[in-house]
């Protein structure tokens, strides 16, 4: 495995945003995703306003609201960002082996033109595993969580939290 300064598990909106910002600032980042086909893939079209200077703001194009095109633009920028290595793997078994508790969540995605409605099932950290103010996972030092793995919210909120985590990590890295 490469010599990463930060390893981010999850390439949703928050994880991708944090990884992209850190890599832009010269931090060597590994960004792990269960599927390269779901990197920063929205359930529904993102709606502005977005955090200024965010990856979300860069890949959003109102003239092309197709979800797959949005995902493709985000993945392209992530894959071409120096200091960032995007790779496919899973960490859920490792997390469970460390004793983390999870809650099962589901999100209904409504039917849109060209896409049938569907349900997304996923696991999120149990609220007692996480400190909201610091994003810290309390079970082990140096672990943080943002995004759908700890809470639900709009894409802009997930991106904002990813940016805040990146700033926190930049401060810690000195």
C-alpha atoms as a PDB file:
ATOM      1  CA  UNK A   1       0.000   0.000   0.000  1.00  0.00           C
ATOM      2  CA  UNK A   2       1.184   3.490  -0.742  1.00  0.00           C
ATOM      3  CA  UNK A   3       2.476   5.850   1.922  1.00  0.00           C
ATOM      4  CA  UNK A   4      -0.666   7.867   2.633  1.00  0.00           C
ATOM      5  CA  UNK A   5      -0.806  10.630   5.198  1.00  0.00           C
ATOM      6  CA  UNK A   6      -4.603  10.275   5.323  1.00  0.00           C
ATOM      7  CA  UNK A   7      -6.805   7.345   4.337  1.00  0.00           C
ATOM      8  CA  UNK A   8     -10.455   8.187   3.720  1.00  0.00           C
ATOM      9  CA  UNK A   9     -13.008   5.402   3.672  1.00  0.00           C
ATOM     10  CA  UNK A  10     -15.998   6.316   1.555  1.00  0.00           C
ATOM     11  CA  UNK A  11     -16.125   8.326  -1.669  1.00  0.00           C
ATOM     12  CA  UNK A  12     -19.524   9.896  -1.155  1.00  0.00           C
ATOM     13  CA  UNK A  13     -19.957  13.645  -1.015  1.00  0.00           C
ATOM     14  CA  UNK A  14     -18.191  14.221   2.328  1.00  0.00           C
ATOM     15  CA  UNK A  15     -15.323  11.776   1.775  1.00  0.00           C
ATOM     16  CA  UNK A  16     -14.655  12.929  -1.781  1.00  0.00           C
ATOM     17  CA  UNK A  17     -14.750  16.570  -0.719  1.00  0.00           C
ATOM     18  CA  UNK A  18     -12.294  15.981   2.151  1.00  0.00           C
ATOM     19  CA  UNK A  19      -9.932  13.906  -0.003  1.00  0.00           C
ATOM     20  CA  UNK A  20      -9.948  16.438  -2.842  1.00  0.00           C
ATOM     21  CA  UNK A  21      -9.274  19.416  -0.556  1.00  0.00           C
ATOM     22  CA  UNK A  22      -6.471  17.604   1.303  1.00  0.00           C
ATOM     23  CA  UNK A  23      -4.800  16.497  -1.937  1.00  0.00           C
ATOM     24  CA  UNK A  24      -5.019  20.041  -3.335  1.00  0.00           C
ATOM     25  CA  UNK A  25      -3.085  21.180  -0.259  1.00  0.00           C
ATOM     26  CA  UNK A  26      -0.302  18.618  -0.831  1.00  0.00           C
ATOM     27  CA  UNK A  27      -1.434  15.834   1.522  1.00  0.00           C
ATOM     28  CA  UNK A  28      -0.995  12.281   0.183  1.00  0.00           C
ATOM     29  CA  UNK A  29      -4.497  10.797   0.351  1.00  0.00           C
ATOM     30  CA  UNK A  30      -5.933   7.356  -0.270  1.00  0.00           C
ATOM     31  CA  UNK A  31      -9.665   7.420  -1.030  1.00  0.00           C
ATOM     32  CA  UNK A  32     -11.277   4.013  -0.646  1.00  0.00           C
ATOM     33  CA  UNK A  33     -14.678   3.213  -2.145  1.00  0.00           C
ATOM     34  CA  UNK A  34     -16.693   0.005  -2.322  1.00  0.00           C
ATOM     35  CA  UNK A  35     -17.428   0.720  -5.980  1.00  0.00           C
ATOM     36  CA  UNK A  36     -15.710   3.034  -8.423  1.00  0.00           C
ATOM     37  CA  UNK A  37     -19.102   3.264 -10.152  1.00  0.00           C
ATOM     38  CA  UNK A  38     -20.616   5.058  -7.166  1.00  0.00           C
ATOM     39  CA  UNK A  39     -18.003   7.730  -6.454  1.00  0.00           C
ATOM     40  CA  UNK A  40     -19.860  10.904  -5.465  1.00  0.00           C
ATOM     41  CA  UNK A  41     -23.005   9.496  -7.098  1.00  0.00           C
ATOM     42  CA  UNK A  42     -26.130  11.406  -6.075  1.00  0.00           C
ATOM     43  CA  UNK A  43     -29.527   9.788  -5.499  1.00  0.00           C
ATOM     44  CA  UNK A  44     -31.206  12.928  -6.846  1.00  0.00           C
ATOM     45  CA  UNK A  45     -29.845  15.924  -8.767  1.00  0.00           C
ATOM     46  CA  UNK A  46     -27.892  18.226  -6.411  1.00  0.00           C
ATOM     47  CA  UNK A  47     -29.476  21.618  -5.895  1.00  0.00           C
ATOM     48  CA  UNK A  48     -27.465  24.811  -5.236  1.00  0.00           C
ATOM     49  CA  UNK A  49     -26.313  26.678  -3.268  1.00  0.00           C
ATOM     50  CA  UNK A  50     -23.057  24.779  -2.730  1.00  0.00           C
ATOM     51  CA  UNK A  51     -20.017  25.593  -0.586  1.00  0.00           C
ATOM     52  CA  UNK A  52     -17.774  28.037  -2.396  1.00  0.00           C
ATOM     53  CA  UNK A  53     -14.716  26.377  -3.934  1.00  0.00           C
ATOM     54  CA  UNK A  54     -16.053  22.887  -3.265  1.00  0.00           C
ATOM     55  CA  UNK A  55     -15.690  19.884  -5.543  1.00  0.00           C
ATOM     56  CA  UNK A  56     -19.494  19.766  -5.565  1.00  0.00           C
ATOM     57  CA  UNK A  57     -19.646  23.288  -7.001  1.00  0.00           C
ATOM     58  CA  UNK A  58     -17.029  22.413  -9.641  1.00  0.00           C
ATOM     59  CA  UNK A  59     -18.810  19.325 -10.981  1.00  0.00           C
ATOM     60  CA  UNK A  60     -22.354  20.709 -10.937  1.00  0.00           C
ATOM     61  CA  UNK A  61     -23.519  21.849 -14.384  1.00  0.00           C
ATOM     62  CA  UNK A  62     -27.158  22.982 -14.589  1.00  0.00           C
ATOM     63  CA  UNK A  63     -27.127  22.421 -18.364  1.00  0.00           C
ATOM     64  CA  UNK A  64     -26.371  18.710 -17.802  1.00  0.00           C
ATOM     65  CA  UNK A  65     -28.259  17.460 -14.720  1.00  0.00           C
ATOM     66  CA  UNK A  66     -27.819  13.751 -15.549  1.00  0.00           C
ATOM     67  CA  UNK A  67     -26.689  11.918 -12.409  1.00  0.00           C
ATOM     68  CA  UNK A  68     -24.260   9.682 -14.265  1.00  0.00           C
ATOM     69  CA  UNK A  69     -22.630  12.723 -15.916  1.00  0.00           C
ATOM     70  CA  UNK A  70     -22.303  14.401 -12.498  1.00  0.00           C
ATOM     71  CA  UNK A  71     -20.610  11.257 -11.130  1.00  0.00           C
ATOM     72  CA  UNK A  72     -18.301  11.056 -14.172  1.00  0.00           C
ATOM     73  CA  UNK A  73     -17.156  14.672 -13.763  1.00  0.00           C
ATOM     74  CA  UNK A  74     -16.447  14.153 -10.049  1.00  0.00           C
ATOM     75  CA  UNK A  75     -14.592  10.889 -10.604  1.00  0.00           C
ATOM     76  CA  UNK A  76     -12.508  12.467 -13.380  1.00  0.00           C
ATOM     77  CA  UNK A  77     -11.374  15.328 -11.126  1.00  0.00           C
ATOM     78  CA  UNK A  78     -10.602  12.965  -8.243  1.00  0.00           C
ATOM     79  CA  UNK A  79      -8.636  10.533 -10.419  1.00  0.00           C
ATOM     80  CA  UNK A  80      -6.600  13.341 -11.951  1.00  0.00           C
ATOM     81  CA  UNK A  81      -5.782  15.161  -8.711  1.00  0.00           C
ATOM     82  CA  UNK A  82      -2.099  14.772  -7.786  1.00  0.00           C
ATOM     83  CA  UNK A  83      -1.562  13.287  -4.297  1.00  0.00           C
ATOM     84  CA  UNK A  84      -4.899  11.439  -4.438  1.00  0.00           C
ATOM     85  CA  UNK A  85      -5.215   7.699  -5.097  1.00  0.00           C
ATOM     86  CA  UNK A  86      -8.763   6.443  -5.618  1.00  0.00           C
ATOM     87  CA  UNK A  87      -9.155   2.695  -5.180  1.00  0.00           C
ATOM     88  CA  UNK A  88     -11.839   0.075  -4.721  1.00  0.00           C
ATOM     89  CA  UNK A  89     -11.961  -2.031  -1.535  1.00  0.00           C
ATOM     90  CA  UNK A  90     -14.104  -2.467   1.564  1.00  0.00           C
ATOM     91  CA  UNK A  91     -13.509  -1.702   5.240  1.00  0.00           C
ATOM     92  CA  UNK A  92     -16.799  -2.756   6.825  1.00  0.00           C
ATOM     93  CA  UNK A  93     -15.534  -6.123   8.180  1.00  0.00           C
ATOM     94  CA  UNK A  94     -12.494  -4.356   9.703  1.00  0.00           C
ATOM     95  CA  UNK A  95     -14.761  -1.780  11.366  1.00  0.00           C
ATOM     96  CA  UNK A  96     -17.020  -4.454  12.826  1.00  0.00           C
ATOM     97  CA  UNK A  97     -14.008  -6.422  14.070  1.00  0.00           C
ATOM     98  CA  UNK A  98     -12.904  -3.310  15.981  1.00  0.00           C
ATOM     99  CA  UNK A  99     -16.233  -3.366  17.830  1.00  0.00           C
ATOM    100  CA  UNK A 100     -17.981  -0.461  16.129  1.00  0.00           C
ATOM    101  CA  UNK A 101     -21.766  -0.532  16.339  1.00  0.00           C
ATOM    102  CA  UNK A 102     -23.923   0.363  13.359  1.00  0.00           C
ATOM    103  CA  UNK A 103     -27.530   1.189  12.563  1.00  0.00           C
ATOM    104  CA  UNK A 104     -29.183   0.018   9.369  1.00  0.00           C
ATOM    105  CA  UNK A 105     -30.667   2.860   7.356  1.00  0.00           C
ATOM    106  CA  UNK A 106     -32.729   3.056   4.216  1.00  0.00           C
ATOM    107  CA  UNK A 107     -33.438   5.903   1.881  1.00  0.00           C
ATOM    108  CA  UNK A 108     -36.224   5.963  -0.658  1.00  0.00           C
ATOM    109  CA  UNK A 109     -35.239   7.421  -4.006  1.00  0.00           C
ATOM    110  CA  UNK A 110     -38.272   8.578  -5.977  1.00  0.00           C
ATOM    111  CA  UNK A 111     -38.833   7.754  -9.603  1.00  0.00           C
ATOM    112  CA  UNK A 112     -37.478  10.331 -12.032  1.00  0.00           C
ATOM    113  CA  UNK A 113     -37.710  10.486 -15.832  1.00  0.00           C
ATOM    114  CA  UNK A 114     -35.646   7.571 -17.095  1.00  0.00           C
ATOM    115  CA  UNK A 115     -34.994   6.082 -13.640  1.00  0.00           C
ATOM    116  CA  UNK A 116     -37.303   3.858 -11.610  1.00  0.00           C
ATOM    117  CA  UNK A 117     -37.733   4.536  -7.907  1.00  0.00           C
ATOM    118  CA  UNK A 118     -35.652   2.377  -5.579  1.00  0.00           C
ATOM    119  CA  UNK A 119     -34.497   1.925  -1.986  1.00  0.00           C
ATOM    120  CA  UNK A 120     -30.897   2.329  -0.848  1.00  0.00           C
ATOM    121  CA  UNK A 121     -29.917   0.338   2.250  1.00  0.00           C
ATOM    122  CA  UNK A 122     -26.724   1.148   4.137  1.00  0.00           C
ATOM    123  CA  UNK A 123     -25.177   1.133   7.604  1.00  0.00           C
ATOM    124  CA  UNK A 124     -24.257   4.188   9.651  1.00  0.00           C
ATOM    125  CA  UNK A 125     -22.233   4.383  12.835  1.00  0.00           C
ATOM    126  CA  UNK A 126     -24.333   4.213  15.978  1.00  0.00           C
ATOM    127  CA  UNK A 127     -24.691   7.779  17.385  1.00  0.00           C
ATOM    128  CA  UNK A 128     -22.761   6.825  20.536  1.00  0.00           C
ATOM    129  CA  UNK A 129     -19.683   6.022  18.401  1.00  0.00           C
ATOM    130  CA  UNK A 130     -19.359   9.600  17.128  1.00  0.00           C
ATOM    131  CA  UNK A 131     -18.773  13.130  18.480  1.00  0.00           C
ATOM    132  CA  UNK A 132     -20.701  15.553  16.322  1.00  0.00           C
ATOM    133  CA  UNK A 133     -18.660  18.653  17.232  1.00  0.00           C
ATOM    134  CA  UNK A 134     -15.293  17.095  16.313  1.00  0.00           C
ATOM    135  CA  UNK A 135     -16.369  14.371  13.833  1.00  0.00           C
ATOM    136  CA  UNK A 136     -14.264  11.985  15.937  1.00  0.00           C
ATOM    137  CA  UNK A 137     -15.058   8.297  16.286  1.00  0.00           C
ATOM    138  CA  UNK A 138     -14.501   7.736  19.984  1.00  0.00           C
ATOM    139  CA  UNK A 139     -13.408   4.092  19.876  1.00  0.00           C
ATOM    140  CA  UNK A 140      -9.953   4.762  18.351  1.00  0.00           C
ATOM    141  CA  UNK A 141      -7.709   7.829  18.221  1.00  0.00           C
ATOM    142  CA  UNK A 142      -7.275   9.433  14.817  1.00  0.00           C
ATOM    143  CA  UNK A 143     -10.538   8.221  13.280  1.00  0.00           C
ATOM    144  CA  UNK A 144     -13.187  10.660  12.080  1.00  0.00           C
ATOM    145  CA  UNK A 145     -16.538  10.267  10.347  1.00  0.00           C
ATOM    146  CA  UNK A 146     -18.637  12.595   8.206  1.00  0.00           C
ATOM    147  CA  UNK A 147     -21.404  12.122   5.700  1.00  0.00           C
ATOM    148  CA  UNK A 148     -24.041   9.431   5.441  1.00  0.00           C
ATOM    149  CA  UNK A 149     -22.020   7.080   7.649  1.00  0.00           C
ATOM    150  CA  UNK A 150     -23.104   9.227  10.623  1.00  0.00           C
ATOM    151  CA  UNK A 151     -26.087  11.367   9.552  1.00  0.00           C
ATOM    152  CA  UNK A 152     -28.473  12.164   6.761  1.00  0.00           C
ATOM    153  CA  UNK A 153     -28.475  15.499   5.033  1.00  0.00           C
ATOM    154  CA  UNK A 154     -28.406  17.415   1.795  1.00  0.00           C
ATOM    155  CA  UNK A 155     -25.439  17.152  -0.555  1.00  0.00           C
ATOM    156  CA  UNK A 156     -24.290  20.678   0.293  1.00  0.00           C
ATOM    157  CA  UNK A 157     -24.175  19.791   4.018  1.00  0.00           C
ATOM    158  CA  UNK A 158     -22.179  16.627   3.303  1.00  0.00           C
ATOM    159  CA  UNK A 159     -19.715  18.627   1.197  1.00  0.00           C
ATOM    160  CA  UNK A 160     -19.442  21.330   3.860  1.00  0.00           C
ATOM    161  CA  UNK A 161     -18.679  18.719   6.521  1.00  0.00           C
ATOM    162  CA  UNK A 162     -16.054  17.144   4.256  1.00  0.00           C
ATOM    163  CA  UNK A 163     -14.410  20.552   3.845  1.00  0.00           C
ATOM    164  CA  UNK A 164     -14.498  21.166   7.616  1.00  0.00           C
ATOM    165  CA  UNK A 165     -12.916  17.785   8.290  1.00  0.00           C
ATOM    166  CA  UNK A 166     -10.205  18.521   5.712  1.00  0.00           C
ATOM    167  CA  UNK A 167      -9.402  21.830   7.426  1.00  0.00           C
ATOM    168  CA  UNK A 168      -9.263  20.078  10.804  1.00  0.00           C
ATOM    169  CA  UNK A 169      -6.881  17.435   9.437  1.00  0.00           C
ATOM    170  CA  UNK A 170      -4.707  20.042   7.739  1.00  0.00           C
ATOM    171  CA  UNK A 171      -4.366  21.774  11.104  1.00  0.00           C
ATOM    172  CA  UNK A 172      -3.466  18.496  12.835  1.00  0.00           C
ATOM    173  CA  UNK A 173      -0.904  17.601  10.149  1.00  0.00           C
ATOM    174  CA  UNK A 174       0.711  21.013  10.620  1.00  0.00           C
END
